Amino acid sequence: MEKARHLFVLDDHQETEDVLRAVLEPTGTSVTRVRNWRQLKNYEPKQEEAVLVLHSDESLDAHPEAKSFSQIPRVIIGRAETRAPSGTPSEESSHTGVREHQLEEMFEFKDLLRAIDSLWRSDS
């Protein structure tokens, strides 16, 4: 039996959620858009079944609420502190053990979907 997959989208852009929902929900993935870290905390996602898409220029350290989600695999879009090339695991991920992909601010959805898929595949 395949395990449940949950994708959480913390992004101010509605179209990101819309595209991810249209592509991933027919495959059995639950897509939930959250507007802030406190709202994400209500879901208590588990590391083994969740991926977080974060579209923010702020460091995760700027959000104390984010600490409890520090081990959840994630795709970060447009955060300047990470210096990895687009679509590859970031340097930060190798230091913290968190599986993470970095995408440029201007990204293509195929790259986002590829990054999400690789995070789930690496957990299999």
PDB file of N, CA and C in Angstrom:
ATOM      1  N   MET A   1       0.835  -1.188   0.000  1.00  0.00           N
ATOM      2  CA  MET A   1       0.000   0.000   0.000  1.00  0.00           C
ATOM      3  C   MET A   1       0.879   1.251   0.000  1.00  0.00           C
ATOM      4  N   GLU A   2       0.569   2.176  -0.869  1.00  0.00           N
ATOM      5  CA  GLU A   2       1.348   3.403  -0.957  1.00  0.00           C
ATOM      6  C   GLU A   2       0.979   4.339   0.192  1.00  0.00           C
ATOM      7  N   LYS A   3       2.013   4.964   0.774  1.00  0.00           N
ATOM      8  CA  LYS A   3       1.749   5.857   1.899  1.00  0.00           C
ATOM      9  C   LYS A   3       1.134   7.170   1.428  1.00  0.00           C
ATOM     10  N   ALA A   4       0.435   7.816   2.343  1.00  0.00           N
ATOM     11  CA  ALA A   4      -0.205   9.100   2.040  1.00  0.00           C
ATOM     12  C   ALA A   4       0.857  10.134   1.731  1.00  0.00           C
ATOM     13  N   ARG A   5       0.541  11.014   0.794  1.00  0.00           N
ATOM     14  CA  ARG A   5       1.455  12.106   0.473  1.00  0.00           C
ATOM     15  C   ARG A   5       0.702  13.413   0.619  1.00  0.00           C
ATOM     16  N   HIS A   6       1.329  14.336   1.342  1.00  0.00           N
ATOM     17  CA  HIS A   6       0.727  15.646   1.581  1.00  0.00           C
ATOM     18  C   HIS A   6       1.708  16.718   1.138  1.00  0.00           C
ATOM     19  N   LEU A   7       1.205  17.633   0.349  1.00  0.00           N
ATOM     20  CA  LEU A   7       2.010  18.761  -0.096  1.00  0.00           C
ATOM     21  C   LEU A   7       1.421  20.009   0.528  1.00  0.00           C
ATOM     22  N   PHE A   8       2.255  20.750   1.242  1.00  0.00           N
ATOM     23  CA  PHE A   8       1.833  22.006   1.846  1.00  0.00           C
ATOM     24  C   PHE A   8       2.497  23.133   1.078  1.00  0.00           C
ATOM     25  N   VAL A   9       1.706  24.128   0.725  1.00  0.00           N
ATOM     26  CA  VAL A   9       2.192  25.249  -0.073  1.00  0.00           C
ATOM     27  C   VAL A   9       2.051  26.520   0.749  1.00  0.00           C
ATOM     28  N   LEU A  10       3.195  27.099   1.130  1.00  0.00           N
ATOM     29  CA  LEU A  10       3.213  28.367   1.845  1.00  0.00           C
ATOM     30  C   LEU A  10       3.685  29.407   0.837  1.00  0.00           C
ATOM     31  N   ASP A  11       2.723  30.055   0.201  1.00  0.00           N
ATOM     32  CA  ASP A  11       3.010  30.901  -0.955  1.00  0.00           C
ATOM     33  C   ASP A  11       1.893  31.927  -1.083  1.00  0.00           C
ATOM     34  N   ASP A  12       2.247  33.154  -1.405  1.00  0.00           N
ATOM     35  CA  ASP A  12       1.250  34.207  -1.587  1.00  0.00           C
ATOM     36  C   ASP A  12       0.571  34.147  -2.948  1.00  0.00           C
ATOM     37  N   HIS A  13       1.056  33.290  -3.819  1.00  0.00           N
ATOM     38  CA  HIS A  13       0.543  33.236  -5.185  1.00  0.00           C
ATOM     39  C   HIS A  13      -0.443  32.084  -5.348  1.00  0.00           C
ATOM     40  N   GLN A  14      -1.687  32.392  -5.571  1.00  0.00           N
ATOM     41  CA  GLN A  14      -2.743  31.397  -5.714  1.00  0.00           C
ATOM     42  C   GLN A  14      -2.463  30.415  -6.855  1.00  0.00           C
ATOM     43  N   GLU A  15      -1.829  30.889  -7.921  1.00  0.00           N
ATOM     44  CA  GLU A  15      -1.629  30.016  -9.074  1.00  0.00           C
ATOM     45  C   GLU A  15      -0.705  28.839  -8.766  1.00  0.00           C
ATOM     46  N   THR A  16       0.206  28.995  -7.832  1.00  0.00           N
ATOM     47  CA  THR A  16       1.072  27.869  -7.467  1.00  0.00           C
ATOM     48  C   THR A  16       0.229  26.732  -6.914  1.00  0.00           C
ATOM     49  N   GLU A  17      -0.645  27.038  -5.984  1.00  0.00           N
ATOM     50  CA  GLU A  17      -1.532  26.019  -5.423  1.00  0.00           C
ATOM     51  C   GLU A  17      -2.420  25.429  -6.507  1.00  0.00           C
ATOM     52  N   ASP A  18      -2.983  26.267  -7.362  1.00  0.00           N
ATOM     53  CA  ASP A  18      -3.907  25.789  -8.396  1.00  0.00           C
ATOM     54  C   ASP A  18      -3.240  24.775  -9.324  1.00  0.00           C
ATOM     55  N   VAL A  19      -2.032  25.085  -9.779  1.00  0.00           N
ATOM     56  CA  VAL A  19      -1.321  24.173 -10.681  1.00  0.00           C
ATOM     57  C   VAL A  19      -0.959  22.882  -9.957  1.00  0.00           C
ATOM     58  N   LEU A  20      -0.420  22.986  -8.749  1.00  0.00           N
ATOM     59  CA  LEU A  20      -0.034  21.789  -8.004  1.00  0.00           C
ATOM     60  C   LEU A  20      -1.241  20.918  -7.686  1.00  0.00           C
ATOM     61  N   ARG A  21      -2.335  21.539  -7.334  1.00  0.00           N
ATOM     62  CA  ARG A  21      -3.564  20.789  -7.045  1.00  0.00           C
ATOM     63  C   ARG A  21      -4.048  20.052  -8.311  1.00  0.00           C
ATOM     64  N   ALA A  22      -4.063  20.753  -9.437  1.00  0.00           N
ATOM     65  CA  ALA A  22      -4.547  20.159 -10.692  1.00  0.00           C
ATOM     66  C   ALA A  22      -3.683  18.982 -11.132  1.00  0.00           C
ATOM     67  N   VAL A  23      -2.395  19.066 -10.910  1.00  0.00           N
ATOM     68  CA  VAL A  23      -1.492  18.012 -11.362  1.00  0.00           C
ATOM     69  C   VAL A  23      -1.379  16.871 -10.353  1.00  0.00           C
ATOM     70  N   LEU A  24      -1.304  17.190  -9.066  1.00  0.00           N
ATOM     71  CA  LEU A  24      -0.981  16.177  -8.061  1.00  0.00           C
ATOM     72  C   LEU A  24      -2.183  15.508  -7.397  1.00  0.00           C
ATOM     73  N   GLU A  25      -3.287  16.206  -7.247  1.00  0.00           N
ATOM     74  CA  GLU A  25      -4.422  15.580  -6.569  1.00  0.00           C
ATOM     75  C   GLU A  25      -4.980  14.366  -7.318  1.00  0.00           C
ATOM     76  N   PRO A  26      -5.023  14.382  -8.655  1.00  0.00           N
ATOM     77  CA  PRO A  26      -5.491  13.162  -9.338  1.00  0.00           C
ATOM     78  C   PRO A  26      -4.598  11.944  -9.087  1.00  0.00           C
ATOM     79  N   THR A  27      -3.367  12.164  -8.650  1.00  0.00           N
ATOM     80  CA  THR A  27      -2.462  11.053  -8.352  1.00  0.00           C
ATOM     81  C   THR A  27      -2.540  10.633  -6.883  1.00  0.00           C
ATOM     82  N   GLY A  28      -3.443  11.239  -6.125  1.00  0.00           N
ATOM     83  CA  GLY A  28      -3.632  10.861  -4.726  1.00  0.00           C
ATOM     84  C   GLY A  28      -2.904  11.716  -3.721  1.00  0.00           C
ATOM     85  N   THR A  29      -2.283  12.787  -4.157  1.00  0.00           N
ATOM     86  CA  THR A  29      -1.575  13.683  -3.244  1.00  0.00           C
ATOM     87  C   THR A  29      -2.521  14.753  -2.735  1.00  0.00           C
ATOM     88  N   SER A  30      -2.517  14.971  -1.443  1.00  0.00           N
ATOM     89  CA  SER A  30      -3.305  16.044  -0.842  1.00  0.00           C
ATOM     90  C   SER A  30      -2.505  17.338  -0.931  1.00  0.00           C
ATOM     91  N   VAL A  31      -3.102  18.387  -1.498  1.00  0.00           N
ATOM     92  CA  VAL A  31      -2.433  19.681  -1.618  1.00  0.00           C
ATOM     93  C   VAL A  31      -3.175  20.685  -0.743  1.00  0.00           C
ATOM     94  N   THR A  32      -2.454  21.303   0.178  1.00  0.00           N
ATOM     95  CA  THR A  32      -3.044  22.254   1.108  1.00  0.00           C
ATOM     96  C   THR A  32      -2.248  23.549   1.086  1.00  0.00           C
ATOM     97  N   ARG A  33      -2.930  24.634   0.845  1.00  0.00           N
ATOM     98  CA  ARG A  33      -2.272  25.937   0.888  1.00  0.00           C
ATOM     99  C   ARG A  33      -2.443  26.518   2.285  1.00  0.00           C
ATOM    100  N   VAL A  34      -1.328  26.963   2.850  1.00  0.00           N
ATOM    101  CA  VAL A  34      -1.358  27.623   4.152  1.00  0.00           C
ATOM    102  C   VAL A  34      -0.806  29.027   3.973  1.00  0.00           C
ATOM    103  N   ARG A  35      -1.296  29.932   4.766  1.00  0.00           N
ATOM    104  CA  ARG A  35      -0.905  31.329   4.607  1.00  0.00           C
ATOM    105  C   ARG A  35       0.217  31.768   5.555  1.00  0.00           C
ATOM    106  N   ASN A  36       0.447  30.969   6.607  1.00  0.00           N
ATOM    107  CA  ASN A  36       1.518  31.308   7.546  1.00  0.00           C
ATOM    108  C   ASN A  36       1.937  30.053   8.311  1.00  0.00           C
ATOM    109  N   TRP A  37       3.020  30.163   9.057  1.00  0.00           N
ATOM    110  CA  TRP A  37       3.551  29.020   9.800  1.00  0.00           C
ATOM    111  C   TRP A  37       2.589  28.528  10.869  1.00  0.00           C
ATOM    112  N   ARG A  38       1.881  29.456  11.522  1.00  0.00           N
ATOM    113  CA  ARG A  38       0.929  29.047  12.564  1.00  0.00           C
ATOM    114  C   ARG A  38      -0.166  28.168  11.981  1.00  0.00           C
ATOM    115  N   GLN A  39      -0.626  28.481  10.798  1.00  0.00           N
ATOM    116  CA  GLN A  39      -1.662  27.671  10.161  1.00  0.00           C
ATOM    117  C   GLN A  39      -1.118  26.282   9.813  1.00  0.00           C
ATOM    118  N   LEU A  40       0.112  26.199   9.372  1.00  0.00           N
ATOM    119  CA  LEU A  40       0.720  24.904   9.062  1.00  0.00           C
ATOM    120  C   LEU A  40       0.805  24.036  10.312  1.00  0.00           C
ATOM    121  N   LYS A  41       1.068  24.669  11.443  1.00  0.00           N
ATOM    122  CA  LYS A  41       1.182  23.925  12.697  1.00  0.00           C
ATOM    123  C   LYS A  41      -0.114  23.163  13.028  1.00  0.00           C
ATOM    124  N   ASN A  42      -1.256  23.678  12.589  1.00  0.00           N
ATOM    125  CA  ASN A  42      -2.533  23.001  12.821  1.00  0.00           C
ATOM    126  C   ASN A  42      -2.599  21.635  12.151  1.00  0.00           C
ATOM    127  N   TYR A  43      -1.819  21.431  11.099  1.00  0.00           N
ATOM    128  CA  TYR A  43      -1.846  20.170  10.362  1.00  0.00           C
ATOM    129  C   TYR A  43      -0.873  19.143  10.906  1.00  0.00           C
ATOM    130  N   GLU A  44       0.135  19.581  11.639  1.00  0.00           N
ATOM    131  CA  GLU A  44       1.151  18.699  12.198  1.00  0.00           C
ATOM    132  C   GLU A  44       1.659  17.677  11.183  1.00  0.00           C
ATOM    133  N   PRO A  45       2.210  18.158  10.065  1.00  0.00           N
ATOM    134  CA  PRO A  45       2.669  17.213   9.046  1.00  0.00           C
ATOM    135  C   PRO A  45       3.841  16.381   9.532  1.00  0.00           C
ATOM    136  N   LYS A  46       3.879  15.132   9.088  1.00  0.00           N
ATOM    137  CA  LYS A  46       4.959  14.226   9.444  1.00  0.00           C
ATOM    138  C   LYS A  46       5.997  14.239   8.335  1.00  0.00           C
ATOM    139  N   GLN A  47       7.248  14.168   8.731  1.00  0.00           N
ATOM    140  CA  GLN A  47       8.361  14.243   7.789  1.00  0.00           C
ATOM    141  C   GLN A  47       8.254  13.190   6.690  1.00  0.00           C
ATOM    142  N   GLU A  48       7.840  11.988   7.022  1.00  0.00           N
ATOM    143  CA  GLU A  48       7.849  10.904   6.047  1.00  0.00           C
ATOM    144  C   GLU A  48       6.721  10.982   5.021  1.00  0.00           C
ATOM    145  N   GLU A  49       5.743  11.832   5.228  1.00  0.00           N
ATOM    146  CA  GLU A  49       4.633  11.887   4.275  1.00  0.00           C
ATOM    147  C   GLU A  49       4.400  13.268   3.689  1.00  0.00           C
ATOM    148  N   ALA A  50       5.196  14.256   4.066  1.00  0.00           N
ATOM    149  CA  ALA A  50       4.926  15.631   3.646  1.00  0.00           C
ATOM    150  C   ALA A  50       6.116  16.258   2.921  1.00  0.00           C
ATOM    151  N   VAL A  51       5.768  17.185   2.051  1.00  0.00           N
ATOM    152  CA  VAL A  51       6.743  18.071   1.422  1.00  0.00           C
ATOM    153  C   VAL A  51       6.157  19.471   1.531  1.00  0.00           C
ATOM    154  N   LEU A  52       7.017  20.435   1.792  1.00  0.00           N
ATOM    155  CA  LEU A  52       6.609  21.825   1.917  1.00  0.00           C
ATOM    156  C   LEU A  52       7.170  22.616   0.739  1.00  0.00           C
ATOM    157  N   VAL A  53       6.329  23.384   0.071  1.00  0.00           N
ATOM    158  CA  VAL A  53       6.780  24.327  -0.945  1.00  0.00           C
ATOM    159  C   VAL A  53       6.698  25.701  -0.309  1.00  0.00           C
ATOM    160  N   LEU A  54       7.836  26.357  -0.201  1.00  0.00           N
ATOM    161  CA  LEU A  54       7.924  27.649   0.467  1.00  0.00           C
ATOM    162  C   LEU A  54       8.409  28.694  -0.528  1.00  0.00           C
ATOM    163  N   HIS A  55       7.588  29.706  -0.739  1.00  0.00           N
ATOM    164  CA  HIS A  55       7.950  30.791  -1.655  1.00  0.00           C
ATOM    165  C   HIS A  55       8.115  32.044  -0.807  1.00  0.00           C
ATOM    166  N   SER A  56       9.357  32.296  -0.392  1.00  0.00           N
ATOM    167  CA  SER A  56       9.607  33.407   0.509  1.00  0.00           C
ATOM    168  C   SER A  56      11.046  33.869   0.372  1.00  0.00           C
ATOM    169  N   ASP A  57      11.262  35.157   0.542  1.00  0.00           N
ATOM    170  CA  ASP A  57      12.621  35.690   0.545  1.00  0.00           C
ATOM    171  C   ASP A  57      13.212  35.697   1.946  1.00  0.00           C
ATOM    172  N   GLU A  58      12.421  35.374   2.947  1.00  0.00           N
ATOM    173  CA  GLU A  58      12.888  35.392   4.326  1.00  0.00           C
ATOM    174  C   GLU A  58      13.560  34.084   4.693  1.00  0.00           C
ATOM    175  N   SER A  59      14.493  34.162   5.599  1.00  0.00           N
ATOM    176  CA  SER A  59      15.130  32.982   6.139  1.00  0.00           C
ATOM    177  C   SER A  59      14.140  32.238   7.034  1.00  0.00           C
ATOM    178  N   LEU A  60      14.240  30.926   7.058  1.00  0.00           N
ATOM    179  CA  LEU A  60      13.376  30.151   7.955  1.00  0.00           C
ATOM    180  C   LEU A  60      13.637  30.514   9.413  1.00  0.00           C
ATOM    181  N   ASP A  61      14.859  30.947   9.708  1.00  0.00           N
ATOM    182  CA  ASP A  61      15.201  31.336  11.073  1.00  0.00           C
ATOM    183  C   ASP A  61      14.381  32.534  11.558  1.00  0.00           C
ATOM    184  N   ALA A  62      13.820  33.304  10.636  1.00  0.00           N
ATOM    185  CA  ALA A  62      13.039  34.478  11.007  1.00  0.00           C
ATOM    186  C   ALA A  62      11.657  34.099  11.548  1.00  0.00           C
ATOM    187  N   HIS A  63      11.310  32.827  11.478  1.00  0.00           N
ATOM    188  CA  HIS A  63       9.991  32.369  11.914  1.00  0.00           C
ATOM    189  C   HIS A  63      10.136  31.333  13.025  1.00  0.00           C
ATOM    190  N   PRO A  64       9.989  31.723  14.272  1.00  0.00           N
ATOM    191  CA  PRO A  64      10.115  30.750  15.362  1.00  0.00           C
ATOM    192  C   PRO A  64       9.128  29.594  15.227  1.00  0.00           C
ATOM    193  N   GLU A  65       7.969  29.858  14.624  1.00  0.00           N
ATOM    194  CA  GLU A  65       6.965  28.804  14.443  1.00  0.00           C
ATOM    195  C   GLU A  65       7.460  27.717  13.502  1.00  0.00           C
ATOM    196  N   ALA A  66       8.437  28.026  12.669  1.00  0.00           N
ATOM    197  CA  ALA A  66       8.911  27.087  11.655  1.00  0.00           C
ATOM    198  C   ALA A  66       9.829  26.014  12.223  1.00  0.00           C
ATOM    199  N   LYS A  67      10.332  26.204  13.440  1.00  0.00           N
ATOM    200  CA  LYS A  67      11.282  25.243  14.003  1.00  0.00           C
ATOM    201  C   LYS A  67      10.756  23.822  14.021  1.00  0.00           C
ATOM    202  N   SER A  68       9.495  23.638  14.346  1.00  0.00           N
ATOM    203  CA  SER A  68       8.958  22.284  14.432  1.00  0.00           C
ATOM    204  C   SER A  68       8.830  21.632  13.057  1.00  0.00           C
ATOM    205  N   PHE A  69       9.034  22.383  11.984  1.00  0.00           N
ATOM    206  CA  PHE A  69       8.944  21.843  10.627  1.00  0.00           C
ATOM    207  C   PHE A  69      10.301  21.812   9.944  1.00  0.00           C
ATOM    208  N   SER A  70      11.359  21.966  10.723  1.00  0.00           N
ATOM    209  CA  SER A  70      12.693  22.098  10.146  1.00  0.00           C
ATOM    210  C   SER A  70      13.185  20.827   9.464  1.00  0.00           C
ATOM    211  N   GLN A  71      12.610  19.677   9.768  1.00  0.00           N
ATOM    212  CA  GLN A  71      13.066  18.426   9.165  1.00  0.00           C
ATOM    213  C   GLN A  71      12.180  17.956   8.015  1.00  0.00           C
ATOM    214  N   ILE A  72      11.153  18.697   7.668  1.00  0.00           N
ATOM    215  CA  ILE A  72      10.273  18.312   6.567  1.00  0.00           C
ATOM    216  C   ILE A  72      10.960  18.658   5.248  1.00  0.00           C
ATOM    217  N   PRO A  73      11.033  17.709   4.316  1.00  0.00           N
ATOM    218  CA  PRO A  73      11.621  18.002   3.010  1.00  0.00           C
ATOM    219  C   PRO A  73      10.899  19.180   2.372  1.00  0.00           C
ATOM    220  N   ARG A  74      11.654  20.011   1.639  1.00  0.00           N
ATOM    221  CA  ARG A  74      11.024  21.221   1.122  1.00  0.00           C
ATOM    222  C   ARG A  74      11.661  21.688  -0.180  1.00  0.00           C
ATOM    223  N   VAL A  75      10.840  22.440  -0.903  1.00  0.00           N
ATOM    224  CA  VAL A  75      11.298  23.155  -2.080  1.00  0.00           C
ATOM    225  C   VAL A  75      11.162  24.628  -1.730  1.00  0.00           C
ATOM    226  N   ILE A  76      12.274  25.338  -1.809  1.00  0.00           N
ATOM    227  CA  ILE A  76      12.262  26.761  -1.483  1.00  0.00           C
ATOM    228  C   ILE A  76      12.431  27.550  -2.769  1.00  0.00           C
ATOM    229  N   ILE A  77      11.517  28.465  -2.991  1.00  0.00           N
ATOM    230  CA  ILE A  77      11.526  29.277  -4.207  1.00  0.00           C
ATOM    231  C   ILE A  77      11.940  30.696  -3.848  1.00  0.00           C
ATOM    232  N   GLY A  78      13.018  31.159  -4.466  1.00  0.00           N
ATOM    233  CA  GLY A  78      13.412  32.559  -4.371  1.00  0.00           C
ATOM    234  C   GLY A  78      14.048  33.022  -3.088  1.00  0.00           C
ATOM    235  N   ARG A  79      14.619  32.149  -2.293  1.00  0.00           N
ATOM    236  CA  ARG A  79      15.281  32.598  -1.072  1.00  0.00           C
ATOM    237  C   ARG A  79      16.754  32.830  -1.361  1.00  0.00           C
ATOM    238  N   ALA A  80      17.202  34.020  -1.153  1.00  0.00           N
ATOM    239  CA  ALA A  80      18.546  34.429  -1.563  1.00  0.00           C
ATOM    240  C   ALA A  80      19.663  33.786  -0.755  1.00  0.00           C
ATOM    241  N   GLU A  81      19.433  33.383   0.503  1.00  0.00           N
ATOM    242  CA  GLU A  81      20.524  32.878   1.332  1.00  0.00           C
ATOM    243  C   GLU A  81      21.106  31.578   0.817  1.00  0.00           C
ATOM    244  N   THR A  82      20.300  30.754   0.146  1.00  0.00           N
ATOM    245  CA  THR A  82      20.776  29.473  -0.349  1.00  0.00           C
ATOM    246  C   THR A  82      21.463  29.701  -1.680  1.00  0.00           C
ATOM    247  N   ARG A  83      22.641  29.115  -1.862  1.00  0.00           N
ATOM    248  CA  ARG A  83      23.431  29.428  -3.053  1.00  0.00           C
ATOM    249  C   ARG A  83      23.530  28.270  -4.037  1.00  0.00           C
ATOM    250  N   ALA A  84      22.663  27.297  -3.957  1.00  0.00           N
ATOM    251  CA  ALA A  84      22.725  26.172  -4.885  1.00  0.00           C
ATOM    252  C   ALA A  84      22.090  26.552  -6.217  1.00  0.00           C
ATOM    253  N   PRO A  85      22.510  25.928  -7.301  1.00  0.00           N
ATOM    254  CA  PRO A  85      21.870  26.178  -8.588  1.00  0.00           C
ATOM    255  C   PRO A  85      20.419  25.726  -8.578  1.00  0.00           C
ATOM    256  N   SER A  86      19.621  26.296  -9.437  1.00  0.00           N
ATOM    257  CA  SER A  86      18.189  26.001  -9.511  1.00  0.00           C
ATOM    258  C   SER A  86      17.934  24.507  -9.671  1.00  0.00           C
ATOM    259  N   GLY A  87      17.002  23.999  -8.846  1.00  0.00           N
ATOM    260  CA  GLY A  87      16.555  22.628  -8.980  1.00  0.00           C
ATOM    261  C   GLY A  87      17.451  21.585  -8.343  1.00  0.00           C
ATOM    262  N   THR A  88      18.489  21.975  -7.631  1.00  0.00           N
ATOM    263  CA  THR A  88      19.385  21.016  -7.006  1.00  0.00           C
ATOM    264  C   THR A  88      19.313  21.157  -5.494  1.00  0.00           C
ATOM    265  N   PRO A  89      19.709  20.092  -4.774  1.00  0.00           N
ATOM    266  CA  PRO A  89      19.727  20.232  -3.317  1.00  0.00           C
ATOM    267  C   PRO A  89      20.645  21.385  -2.930  1.00  0.00           C
ATOM    268  N   SER A  90      20.237  22.149  -1.957  1.00  0.00           N
ATOM    269  CA  SER A  90      21.015  23.321  -1.561  1.00  0.00           C
ATOM    270  C   SER A  90      22.161  22.937  -0.646  1.00  0.00           C
ATOM    271  N   GLU A  91      23.101  23.846  -0.465  1.00  0.00           N
ATOM    272  CA  GLU A  91      24.202  23.628   0.468  1.00  0.00           C
ATOM    273  C   GLU A  91      23.665  23.437   1.876  1.00  0.00           C
ATOM    274  N   GLU A  92      22.654  24.194   2.225  1.00  0.00           N
ATOM    275  CA  GLU A  92      22.085  24.107   3.572  1.00  0.00           C
ATOM    276  C   GLU A  92      21.599  22.694   3.859  1.00  0.00           C
ATOM    277  N   SER A  93      21.014  22.032   2.877  1.00  0.00           N
ATOM    278  CA  SER A  93      20.480  20.701   3.114  1.00  0.00           C
ATOM    279  C   SER A  93      21.583  19.730   3.512  1.00  0.00           C
ATOM    280  N   SER A  94      22.782  19.875   2.966  1.00  0.00           N
ATOM    281  CA  SER A  94      23.850  18.963   3.326  1.00  0.00           C
ATOM    282  C   SER A  94      24.353  19.228   4.748  1.00  0.00           C
ATOM    283  N   HIS A  95      24.229  20.450   5.237  1.00  0.00           N
ATOM    284  CA  HIS A  95      24.679  20.768   6.591  1.00  0.00           C
ATOM    285  C   HIS A  95      23.662  20.336   7.650  1.00  0.00           C
ATOM    286  N   THR A  96      22.376  20.407   7.337  1.00  0.00           N
ATOM    287  CA  THR A  96      21.346  20.121   8.332  1.00  0.00           C
ATOM    288  C   THR A  96      20.741  18.742   8.197  1.00  0.00           C
ATOM    289  N   GLY A  97      21.000  18.060   7.087  1.00  0.00           N
ATOM    290  CA  GLY A  97      20.395  16.762   6.859  1.00  0.00           C
ATOM    291  C   GLY A  97      18.996  16.844   6.289  1.00  0.00           C
ATOM    292  N   VAL A  98      18.487  18.031   6.058  1.00  0.00           N
ATOM    293  CA  VAL A  98      17.144  18.211   5.497  1.00  0.00           C
ATOM    294  C   VAL A  98      17.235  18.105   3.985  1.00  0.00           C
ATOM    295  N   ARG A  99      16.337  17.333   3.406  1.00  0.00           N
ATOM    296  CA  ARG A  99      16.280  17.266   1.951  1.00  0.00           C
ATOM    297  C   ARG A  99      15.585  18.524   1.455  1.00  0.00           C
ATOM    298  N   GLU A 100      16.284  19.254   0.613  1.00  0.00           N
ATOM    299  CA  GLU A 100      15.789  20.560   0.186  1.00  0.00           C
ATOM    300  C   GLU A 100      16.215  20.837  -1.249  1.00  0.00           C
ATOM    301  N   HIS A 101      15.334  21.451  -2.006  1.00  0.00           N
ATOM    302  CA  HIS A 101      15.658  21.925  -3.351  1.00  0.00           C
ATOM    303  C   HIS A 101      15.426  23.420  -3.392  1.00  0.00           C
ATOM    304  N   GLN A 102      16.249  24.104  -4.135  1.00  0.00           N
ATOM    305  CA  GLN A 102      16.151  25.553  -4.297  1.00  0.00           C
ATOM    306  C   GLN A 102      15.773  25.856  -5.746  1.00  0.00           C
ATOM    307  N   LEU A 103      14.781  26.719  -5.935  1.00  0.00           N
ATOM    308  CA  LEU A 103      14.419  27.187  -7.272  1.00  0.00           C
ATOM    309  C   LEU A 103      14.528  28.704  -7.312  1.00  0.00           C
ATOM    310  N   GLU A 104      14.872  29.206  -8.461  1.00  0.00           N
ATOM    311  CA  GLU A 104      14.931  30.657  -8.664  1.00  0.00           C
ATOM    312  C   GLU A 104      13.539  31.265  -8.510  1.00  0.00           C
ATOM    313  N   GLU A 105      13.480  32.546  -8.266  1.00  0.00           N
ATOM    314  CA  GLU A 105      12.204  33.264  -8.154  1.00  0.00           C
ATOM    315  C   GLU A 105      11.353  33.056  -9.411  1.00  0.00           C
ATOM    316  N   MET A 106      11.999  33.138 -10.562  1.00  0.00           N
ATOM    317  CA  MET A 106      11.305  32.904 -11.835  1.00  0.00           C
ATOM    318  C   MET A 106      11.546  31.440 -12.208  1.00  0.00           C
ATOM    319  N   PHE A 107      10.578  30.579 -11.923  1.00  0.00           N
ATOM    320  CA  PHE A 107      10.740  29.147 -12.137  1.00  0.00           C
ATOM    321  C   PHE A 107       9.680  28.647 -13.101  1.00  0.00           C
ATOM    322  N   GLU A 108       9.904  27.457 -13.620  1.00  0.00           N
ATOM    323  CA  GLU A 108       8.901  26.792 -14.438  1.00  0.00           C
ATOM    324  C   GLU A 108       8.263  25.706 -13.586  1.00  0.00           C
ATOM    325  N   PHE A 109       6.965  25.491 -13.776  1.00  0.00           N
ATOM    326  CA  PHE A 109       6.269  24.509 -12.955  1.00  0.00           C
ATOM    327  C   PHE A 109       6.818  23.102 -13.149  1.00  0.00           C
ATOM    328  N   LYS A 110       7.335  22.789 -14.332  1.00  0.00           N
ATOM    329  CA  LYS A 110       7.914  21.449 -14.531  1.00  0.00           C
ATOM    330  C   LYS A 110       9.107  21.245 -13.603  1.00  0.00           C
ATOM    331  N   ASP A 111       9.890  22.314 -13.350  1.00  0.00           N
ATOM    332  CA  ASP A 111      11.022  22.203 -12.429  1.00  0.00           C
ATOM    333  C   ASP A 111      10.547  22.024 -10.987  1.00  0.00           C
ATOM    334  N   LEU A 112       9.474  22.714 -10.624  1.00  0.00           N
ATOM    335  CA  LEU A 112       8.905  22.564  -9.289  1.00  0.00           C
ATOM    336  C   LEU A 112       8.385  21.139  -9.094  1.00  0.00           C
ATOM    337  N   LEU A 113       7.664  20.623 -10.074  1.00  0.00           N
ATOM    338  CA  LEU A 113       7.133  19.263  -9.976  1.00  0.00           C
ATOM    339  C   LEU A 113       8.254  18.234  -9.922  1.00  0.00           C
ATOM    340  N   ARG A 114       9.316  18.444 -10.667  1.00  0.00           N
ATOM    341  CA  ARG A 114      10.461  17.539 -10.648  1.00  0.00           C
ATOM    342  C   ARG A 114      11.125  17.550  -9.267  1.00  0.00           C
ATOM    343  N   ALA A 115      11.260  18.725  -8.672  1.00  0.00           N
ATOM    344  CA  ALA A 115      11.871  18.833  -7.343  1.00  0.00           C
ATOM    345  C   ALA A 115      11.017  18.127  -6.288  1.00  0.00           C
ATOM    346  N   ILE A 116       9.712  18.340  -6.343  1.00  0.00           N
ATOM    347  CA  ILE A 116       8.792  17.673  -5.394  1.00  0.00           C
ATOM    348  C   ILE A 116       8.895  16.168  -5.545  1.00  0.00           C
ATOM    349  N   ASP A 117       8.849  15.698  -6.772  1.00  0.00           N
ATOM    350  CA  ASP A 117       8.910  14.261  -7.036  1.00  0.00           C
ATOM    351  C   ASP A 117      10.214  13.659  -6.530  1.00  0.00           C
ATOM    352  N   SER A 118      11.320  14.353  -6.723  1.00  0.00           N
ATOM    353  CA  SER A 118      12.597  13.808  -6.257  1.00  0.00           C
ATOM    354  C   SER A 118      12.655  13.715  -4.735  1.00  0.00           C
ATOM    355  N   LEU A 119      11.998  14.625  -4.049  1.00  0.00           N
ATOM    356  CA  LEU A 119      11.962  14.556  -2.578  1.00  0.00           C
ATOM    357  C   LEU A 119      11.171  13.336  -2.124  1.00  0.00           C
ATOM    358  N   TRP A 120      10.062  13.047  -2.785  1.00  0.00           N
ATOM    359  CA  TRP A 120       9.296  11.862  -2.413  1.00  0.00           C
ATOM    360  C   TRP A 120      10.032  10.578  -2.802  1.00  0.00           C
ATOM    361  N   ARG A 121      10.678  10.564  -3.936  1.00  0.00           N
ATOM    362  CA  ARG A 121      11.413   9.370  -4.363  1.00  0.00           C
ATOM    363  C   ARG A 121      12.565   9.077  -3.419  1.00  0.00           C
ATOM    364  N   SER A 122      13.232  10.111  -2.941  1.00  0.00           N
ATOM    365  CA  SER A 122      14.380   9.893  -2.052  1.00  0.00           C
ATOM    366  C   SER A 122      13.950   9.385  -0.685  1.00  0.00           C
ATOM    367  N   ASP A 123      12.658   9.488  -0.382  1.00  0.00           N
ATOM    368  CA  ASP A 123      12.136   9.017   0.900  1.00  0.00           C
ATOM    369  C   ASP A 123      11.617   7.594   0.798  1.00  0.00           C
ATOM    370  N   SER A 124      11.580   7.043  -0.413  1.00  0.00           N
ATOM    371  CA  SER A 124      11.016   5.705  -0.608  1.00  0.00           C
ATOM    372  C   SER A 124      11.969   4.614  -0.151  1.00  0.00           C
TER     373      SER A 124
END
